[in-house]
Amino acid sequence: MMIVGIYAALGVFLILAARYPLANLSLIWFTVWSSAVHGGIMAGDVPALFIVAVALAILTPRSQFAARPRTHNGD
């Protein structure tokens, strides 16, 4: 929820900055660059999540018989 609060506050200030964009270029460019960096970081996380999902799907047993533990006495 913290990030929601940060983006909500940033949004309010961007709305105010839109009235006089030339006077608020630093805020606007901060938003541009921070959004690009955030997007780049998330782009790296997304493939990792898909790799984990595929690995779990491959390693998960397909039936209840495959998941049943075997005993040493042949049962």
PDB file of N, CA and C in Angstrom:
ATOM      1  N   MET A   1       0.814  -1.200   0.000  1.00  0.00           N
ATOM      2  CA  MET A   1       0.000   0.000   0.000  1.00  0.00           C
ATOM      3  C   MET A   1       0.860   1.267   0.000  1.00  0.00           C
ATOM      4  N   MET A   2       2.101   1.134   0.456  1.00  0.00           N
ATOM      5  CA  MET A   2       2.956   2.313   0.495  1.00  0.00           C
ATOM      6  C   MET A   2       3.159   2.882  -0.908  1.00  0.00           C
ATOM      7  N   ILE A   3       3.388   2.005  -1.888  1.00  0.00           N
ATOM      8  CA  ILE A   3       3.619   2.485  -3.254  1.00  0.00           C
ATOM      9  C   ILE A   3       2.367   3.169  -3.805  1.00  0.00           C
ATOM     10  N   VAL A   4       1.194   2.707  -3.399  1.00  0.00           N
ATOM     11  CA  VAL A   4      -0.047   3.353  -3.836  1.00  0.00           C
ATOM     12  C   VAL A   4      -0.106   4.776  -3.301  1.00  0.00           C
ATOM     13  N   GLY A   5       0.276   4.954  -2.049  1.00  0.00           N
ATOM     14  CA  GLY A   5       0.301   6.296  -1.464  1.00  0.00           C
ATOM     15  C   GLY A   5       1.289   7.205  -2.167  1.00  0.00           C
ATOM     16  N   ILE A   6       2.460   6.650  -2.508  1.00  0.00           N
ATOM     17  CA  ILE A   6       3.469   7.447  -3.206  1.00  0.00           C
ATOM     18  C   ILE A   6       2.963   7.873  -4.582  1.00  0.00           C
ATOM     19  N   TYR A   7       2.383   6.924  -5.319  1.00  0.00           N
ATOM     20  CA  TYR A   7       1.881   7.271  -6.653  1.00  0.00           C
ATOM     21  C   TYR A   7       0.669   8.188  -6.596  1.00  0.00           C
ATOM     22  N   ALA A   8      -0.153   8.057  -5.572  1.00  0.00           N
ATOM     23  CA  ALA A   8      -1.291   8.977  -5.426  1.00  0.00           C
ATOM     24  C   ALA A   8      -0.800  10.399  -5.185  1.00  0.00           C
ATOM     25  N   ALA A   9       0.184  10.544  -4.299  1.00  0.00           N
ATOM     26  CA  ALA A   9       0.738  11.880  -4.037  1.00  0.00           C
ATOM     27  C   ALA A   9       1.414  12.434  -5.288  1.00  0.00           C
ATOM     28  N   LEU A  10       2.185  11.596  -5.982  1.00  0.00           N
ATOM     29  CA  LEU A  10       2.832  12.037  -7.216  1.00  0.00           C
ATOM     30  C   LEU A  10       1.789  12.467  -8.245  1.00  0.00           C
ATOM     31  N   GLY A  11       0.712  11.718  -8.340  1.00  0.00           N
ATOM     32  CA  GLY A  11      -0.352  12.073  -9.287  1.00  0.00           C
ATOM     33  C   GLY A  11      -0.958  13.438  -9.007  1.00  0.00           C
ATOM     34  N   VAL A  12      -1.191  13.726  -7.736  1.00  0.00           N
ATOM     35  CA  VAL A  12      -1.747  15.041  -7.375  1.00  0.00           C
ATOM     36  C   VAL A  12      -0.781  16.149  -7.786  1.00  0.00           C
ATOM     37  N   PHE A  13       0.505  15.949  -7.496  1.00  0.00           N
ATOM     38  CA  PHE A  13       1.480  16.976  -7.850  1.00  0.00           C
ATOM     39  C   PHE A  13       1.664  17.096  -9.363  1.00  0.00           C
ATOM     40  N   LEU A  14       1.516  15.990 -10.083  1.00  0.00           N
ATOM     41  CA  LEU A  14       1.592  16.073 -11.545  1.00  0.00           C
ATOM     42  C   LEU A  14       0.397  16.822 -12.129  1.00  0.00           C
ATOM     43  N   ILE A  15      -0.754  16.636 -11.540  1.00  0.00           N
ATOM     44  CA  ILE A  15      -1.936  17.403 -11.993  1.00  0.00           C
ATOM     45  C   ILE A  15      -1.694  18.897 -11.779  1.00  0.00           C
ATOM     46  N   LEU A  16      -1.157  19.244 -10.611  1.00  0.00           N
ATOM     47  CA  LEU A  16      -0.841  20.655 -10.349  1.00  0.00           C
ATOM     48  C   LEU A  16       0.257  21.161 -11.283  1.00  0.00           C
ATOM     49  N   ALA A  17       1.251  20.304 -11.561  1.00  0.00           N
ATOM     50  CA  ALA A  17       2.353  20.702 -12.440  1.00  0.00           C
ATOM     51  C   ALA A  17       1.892  20.893 -13.872  1.00  0.00           C
ATOM     52  N   ALA A  18       0.830  20.212 -14.263  1.00  0.00           N
ATOM     53  CA  ALA A  18       0.339  20.316 -15.637  1.00  0.00           C
ATOM     54  C   ALA A  18      -0.182  21.725 -15.956  1.00  0.00           C
ATOM     55  N   ARG A  19      -0.529  22.481 -14.935  1.00  0.00           N
ATOM     56  CA  ARG A  19      -0.989  23.858 -15.168  1.00  0.00           C
ATOM     57  C   ARG A  19       0.145  24.732 -15.708  1.00  0.00           C
ATOM     58  N   TYR A  20       1.355  24.499 -15.212  1.00  0.00           N
ATOM     59  CA  TYR A  20       2.535  25.269 -15.618  1.00  0.00           C
ATOM     60  C   TYR A  20       3.692  24.300 -15.888  1.00  0.00           C
ATOM     61  N   PRO A  21       3.620  23.552 -16.983  1.00  0.00           N
ATOM     62  CA  PRO A  21       4.619  22.500 -17.219  1.00  0.00           C
ATOM     63  C   PRO A  21       6.049  23.001 -17.318  1.00  0.00           C
ATOM     64  N   LEU A  22       6.276  24.161 -17.911  1.00  0.00           N
ATOM     65  CA  LEU A  22       7.640  24.666 -18.029  1.00  0.00           C
ATOM     66  C   LEU A  22       8.237  25.021 -16.667  1.00  0.00           C
ATOM     67  N   ALA A  23       7.416  25.398 -15.726  1.00  0.00           N
ATOM     68  CA  ALA A  23       7.890  25.721 -14.380  1.00  0.00           C
ATOM     69  C   ALA A  23       8.114  24.471 -13.531  1.00  0.00           C
ATOM     70  N   ASN A  24       7.629  23.339 -14.006  1.00  0.00           N
ATOM     71  CA  ASN A  24       7.708  22.101 -13.220  1.00  0.00           C
ATOM     72  C   ASN A  24       8.395  20.970 -13.984  1.00  0.00           C
ATOM     73  N   LEU A  25       9.342  21.327 -14.821  1.00  0.00           N
ATOM     74  CA  LEU A  25      10.003  20.324 -15.650  1.00  0.00           C
ATOM     75  C   LEU A  25      10.724  19.258 -14.830  1.00  0.00           C
ATOM     76  N   SER A  26      11.320  19.641 -13.718  1.00  0.00           N
ATOM     77  CA  SER A  26      12.068  18.647 -12.937  1.00  0.00           C
ATOM     78  C   SER A  26      11.136  17.563 -12.403  1.00  0.00           C
ATOM     79  N   LEU A  27       9.959  17.919 -11.935  1.00  0.00           N
ATOM     80  CA  LEU A  27       8.997  16.925 -11.457  1.00  0.00           C
ATOM     81  C   LEU A  27       8.523  16.043 -12.605  1.00  0.00           C
ATOM     82  N   ILE A  28       8.249  16.643 -13.727  1.00  0.00           N
ATOM     83  CA  ILE A  28       7.777  15.879 -14.886  1.00  0.00           C
ATOM     84  C   ILE A  28       8.858  14.911 -15.361  1.00  0.00           C
ATOM     85  N   TRP A  29      10.109  15.375 -15.460  1.00  0.00           N
ATOM     86  CA  TRP A  29      11.193  14.494 -15.901  1.00  0.00           C
ATOM     87  C   TRP A  29      11.526  13.434 -14.860  1.00  0.00           C
ATOM     88  N   PHE A  30      11.381  13.766 -13.584  1.00  0.00           N
ATOM     89  CA  PHE A  30      11.555  12.743 -12.549  1.00  0.00           C
ATOM     90  C   PHE A  30      10.549  11.625 -12.747  1.00  0.00           C
ATOM     91  N   THR A  31       9.315  11.989 -13.041  1.00  0.00           N
ATOM     92  CA  THR A  31       8.271  10.984 -13.254  1.00  0.00           C
ATOM     93  C   THR A  31       8.575  10.136 -14.483  1.00  0.00           C
ATOM     94  N   VAL A  32       9.019  10.796 -15.551  1.00  0.00           N
ATOM     95  CA  VAL A  32       9.373  10.061 -16.769  1.00  0.00           C
ATOM     96  C   VAL A  32      10.466   9.041 -16.474  1.00  0.00           C
ATOM     97  N   TRP A  33      11.571   9.490 -15.870  1.00  0.00           N
ATOM     98  CA  TRP A  33      12.713   8.608 -15.629  1.00  0.00           C
ATOM     99  C   TRP A  33      12.422   7.549 -14.582  1.00  0.00           C
ATOM    100  N   SER A  34      11.732   7.908 -13.511  1.00  0.00           N
ATOM    101  CA  SER A  34      11.430   6.909 -12.489  1.00  0.00           C
ATOM    102  C   SER A  34      10.471   5.853 -13.026  1.00  0.00           C
ATOM    103  N   SER A  35       9.553   6.248 -13.899  1.00  0.00           N
ATOM    104  CA  SER A  35       8.650   5.276 -14.517  1.00  0.00           C
ATOM    105  C   SER A  35       9.410   4.337 -15.458  1.00  0.00           C
ATOM    106  N   ALA A  36      10.361   4.889 -16.196  1.00  0.00           N
ATOM    107  CA  ALA A  36      11.165   4.060 -17.104  1.00  0.00           C
ATOM    108  C   ALA A  36      12.019   3.067 -16.318  1.00  0.00           C
ATOM    109  N   VAL A  37      12.636   3.530 -15.238  1.00  0.00           N
ATOM    110  CA  VAL A  37      13.450   2.640 -14.407  1.00  0.00           C
ATOM    111  C   VAL A  37      12.579   1.564 -13.762  1.00  0.00           C
ATOM    112  N   HIS A  38      11.441   1.950 -13.238  1.00  0.00           N
ATOM    113  CA  HIS A  38      10.519   0.997 -12.633  1.00  0.00           C
ATOM    114  C   HIS A  38      10.073  -0.045 -13.655  1.00  0.00           C
ATOM    115  N   GLY A  39       9.742   0.414 -14.845  1.00  0.00           N
ATOM    116  CA  GLY A  39       9.350  -0.512 -15.906  1.00  0.00           C
ATOM    117  C   GLY A  39      10.470  -1.469 -16.280  1.00  0.00           C
ATOM    118  N   GLY A  40      11.699  -0.961 -16.316  1.00  0.00           N
ATOM    119  CA  GLY A  40      12.843  -1.819 -16.613  1.00  0.00           C
ATOM    120  C   GLY A  40      13.067  -2.876 -15.545  1.00  0.00           C
ATOM    121  N   ILE A  41      12.929  -2.479 -14.296  1.00  0.00           N
ATOM    122  CA  ILE A  41      13.079  -3.441 -13.199  1.00  0.00           C
ATOM    123  C   ILE A  41      11.984  -4.491 -13.260  1.00  0.00           C
ATOM    124  N   MET A  42      10.762  -4.071 -13.488  1.00  0.00           N
ATOM    125  CA  MET A  42       9.649  -5.025 -13.556  1.00  0.00           C
ATOM    126  C   MET A  42       9.780  -5.932 -14.770  1.00  0.00           C
ATOM    127  N   ALA A  43      10.326  -5.424 -15.852  1.00  0.00           N
ATOM    128  CA  ALA A  43      10.520  -6.261 -17.044  1.00  0.00           C
ATOM    129  C   ALA A  43      11.485  -7.394 -16.738  1.00  0.00           C
ATOM    130  N   GLY A  44      12.436  -7.160 -15.831  1.00  0.00           N
ATOM    131  CA  GLY A  44      13.342  -8.226 -15.418  1.00  0.00           C
ATOM    132  C   GLY A  44      12.680  -9.215 -14.493  1.00  0.00           C
ATOM    133  N   ASP A  45      11.718  -8.762 -13.689  1.00  0.00           N
ATOM    134  CA  ASP A  45      11.032  -9.650 -12.755  1.00  0.00           C
ATOM    135  C   ASP A  45      10.025 -10.558 -13.441  1.00  0.00           C
ATOM    136  N   VAL A  46       9.380 -10.066 -14.462  1.00  0.00           N
ATOM    137  CA  VAL A  46       8.323 -10.833 -15.112  1.00  0.00           C
ATOM    138  C   VAL A  46       8.850 -12.134 -15.722  1.00  0.00           C
ATOM    139  N   PRO A  47       9.949 -12.120 -16.494  1.00  0.00           N
ATOM    140  CA  PRO A  47      10.453 -13.395 -17.010  1.00  0.00           C
ATOM    141  C   PRO A  47      10.845 -14.367 -15.895  1.00  0.00           C
ATOM    142  N   ALA A  48      11.391 -13.846 -14.799  1.00  0.00           N
ATOM    143  CA  ALA A  48      11.753 -14.718 -13.680  1.00  0.00           C
ATOM    144  C   ALA A  48      10.522 -15.409 -13.111  1.00  0.00           C
ATOM    145  N   LEU A  49       9.422 -14.688 -13.019  1.00  0.00           N
ATOM    146  CA  LEU A  49       8.186 -15.294 -12.512  1.00  0.00           C
ATOM    147  C   LEU A  49       7.664 -16.366 -13.455  1.00  0.00           C
ATOM    148  N   PHE A  50       7.760 -16.132 -14.754  1.00  0.00           N
ATOM    149  CA  PHE A  50       7.335 -17.150 -15.716  1.00  0.00           C
ATOM    150  C   PHE A  50       8.234 -18.382 -15.641  1.00  0.00           C
ATOM    151  N   ILE A  51       9.528 -18.185 -15.446  1.00  0.00           N
ATOM    152  CA  ILE A  51      10.450 -19.318 -15.329  1.00  0.00           C
ATOM    153  C   ILE A  51      10.093 -20.163 -14.105  1.00  0.00           C
ATOM    154  N   VAL A  52       9.815 -19.517 -12.985  1.00  0.00           N
ATOM    155  CA  VAL A  52       9.418 -20.244 -11.779  1.00  0.00           C
ATOM    156  C   VAL A  52       8.108 -20.990 -12.024  1.00  0.00           C
ATOM    157  N   ALA A  53       7.151 -20.353 -12.669  1.00  0.00           N
ATOM    158  CA  ALA A  53       5.863 -20.998 -12.941  1.00  0.00           C
ATOM    159  C   ALA A  53       6.044 -22.234 -13.824  1.00  0.00           C
ATOM    160  N   VAL A  54       6.854 -22.123 -14.856  1.00  0.00           N
ATOM    161  CA  VAL A  54       7.088 -23.262 -15.751  1.00  0.00           C
ATOM    162  C   VAL A  54       7.820 -24.379 -15.006  1.00  0.00           C
ATOM    163  N   ALA A  55       8.817 -24.022 -14.217  1.00  0.00           N
ATOM    164  CA  ALA A  55       9.566 -25.030 -13.462  1.00  0.00           C
ATOM    165  C   ALA A  55       8.646 -25.779 -12.502  1.00  0.00           C
ATOM    166  N   LEU A  56       7.792 -25.058 -11.794  1.00  0.00           N
ATOM    167  CA  LEU A  56       6.853 -25.708 -10.879  1.00  0.00           C
ATOM    168  C   LEU A  56       5.869 -26.592 -11.630  1.00  0.00           C
ATOM    169  N   ALA A  57       5.409 -26.130 -12.771  1.00  0.00           N
ATOM    170  CA  ALA A  57       4.464 -26.928 -13.560  1.00  0.00           C
ATOM    171  C   ALA A  57       5.118 -28.219 -14.045  1.00  0.00           C
ATOM    172  N   ILE A  58       6.381 -28.149 -14.432  1.00  0.00           N
ATOM    173  CA  ILE A  58       7.086 -29.336 -14.913  1.00  0.00           C
ATOM    174  C   ILE A  58       7.379 -30.305 -13.769  1.00  0.00           C
ATOM    175  N   LEU A  59       7.741 -29.785 -12.608  1.00  0.00           N
ATOM    176  CA  LEU A  59       8.137 -30.623 -11.486  1.00  0.00           C
ATOM    177  C   LEU A  59       6.972 -31.150 -10.656  1.00  0.00           C
ATOM    178  N   THR A  60       5.773 -30.637 -10.866  1.00  0.00           N
ATOM    179  CA  THR A  60       4.616 -31.074 -10.098  1.00  0.00           C
ATOM    180  C   THR A  60       4.142 -32.436 -10.587  1.00  0.00           C
ATOM    181  N   PRO A  61       3.932 -33.383  -9.657  1.00  0.00           N
ATOM    182  CA  PRO A  61       3.421 -34.697 -10.069  1.00  0.00           C
ATOM    183  C   PRO A  61       2.058 -34.564 -10.752  1.00  0.00           C
ATOM    184  N   ARG A  62       1.808 -35.447 -11.699  1.00  0.00           N
ATOM    185  CA  ARG A  62       0.586 -35.365 -12.498  1.00  0.00           C
ATOM    186  C   ARG A  62      -0.581 -36.154 -11.915  1.00  0.00           C
ATOM    187  N   SER A  63      -0.310 -37.129 -11.031  1.00  0.00           N
ATOM    188  CA  SER A  63      -1.409 -37.921 -10.486  1.00  0.00           C
ATOM    189  C   SER A  63      -1.168 -38.190  -9.009  1.00  0.00           C
ATOM    190  N   GLN A  64      -2.189 -38.682  -8.342  1.00  0.00           N
ATOM    191  CA  GLN A  64      -2.050 -38.973  -6.922  1.00  0.00           C
ATOM    192  C   GLN A  64      -1.109 -40.147  -6.692  1.00  0.00           C
ATOM    193  N   PHE A  65      -0.968 -41.032  -7.680  1.00  0.00           N
ATOM    194  CA  PHE A  65      -0.086 -42.188  -7.531  1.00  0.00           C
ATOM    195  C   PHE A  65       1.379 -41.774  -7.586  1.00  0.00           C
ATOM    196  N   ALA A  66       1.686 -40.777  -8.359  1.00  0.00           N
ATOM    197  CA  ALA A  66       3.068 -40.310  -8.460  1.00  0.00           C
ATOM    198  C   ALA A  66       3.499 -39.604  -7.181  1.00  0.00           C
ATOM    199  N   ALA A  67       2.549 -39.027  -6.455  1.00  0.00           N
ATOM    200  CA  ALA A  67       2.869 -38.282  -5.244  1.00  0.00           C
ATOM    201  C   ALA A  67       2.905 -39.178  -4.012  1.00  0.00           C
ATOM    202  N   ARG A  68       2.466 -40.455  -4.124  1.00  0.00           N
ATOM    203  CA  ARG A  68       2.415 -41.365  -2.978  1.00  0.00           C
ATOM    204  C   ARG A  68       3.819 -41.800  -2.586  1.00  0.00           C
ATOM    205  N   PRO A  69       4.191 -41.626  -1.322  1.00  0.00           N
ATOM    206  CA  PRO A  69       5.532 -42.043  -0.907  1.00  0.00           C
ATOM    207  C   PRO A  69       5.672 -43.558  -0.928  1.00  0.00           C
ATOM    208  N   ARG A  70       6.837 -44.032  -1.271  1.00  0.00           N
ATOM    209  CA  ARG A  70       7.108 -45.471  -1.300  1.00  0.00           C
ATOM    210  C   ARG A  70       7.733 -45.888   0.032  1.00  0.00           C
ATOM    211  N   THR A  71       7.441 -47.104   0.426  1.00  0.00           N
ATOM    212  CA  THR A  71       8.046 -47.634   1.644  1.00  0.00           C
ATOM    213  C   THR A  71       9.126 -48.639   1.272  1.00  0.00           C
ATOM    214  N   HIS A  72       9.941 -48.981   2.242  1.00  0.00           N
ATOM    215  CA  HIS A  72      11.053 -49.906   1.993  1.00  0.00           C
ATOM    216  C   HIS A  72      10.633 -51.358   1.930  1.00  0.00           C
ATOM    217  N   ASN A  73       9.430 -51.711   2.395  1.00  0.00           N
ATOM    218  CA  ASN A  73       9.011 -53.098   2.412  1.00  0.00           C
ATOM    219  C   ASN A  73       8.249 -53.485   1.151  1.00  0.00           C
ATOM    220  N   GLY A  74       8.236 -52.678   0.144  1.00  0.00           N
ATOM    221  CA  GLY A  74       7.629 -53.016  -1.127  1.00  0.00           C
ATOM    222  C   GLY A  74       6.173 -52.611  -1.280  1.00  0.00           C
ATOM    223  N   ASP A  75       5.591 -51.928  -0.293  1.00  0.00           N
ATOM    224  CA  ASP A  75       4.179 -51.511  -0.401  1.00  0.00           C
ATOM    225  C   ASP A  75       4.024 -50.369  -1.345  1.00  0.00           C
TER     226      ASP A  75
END
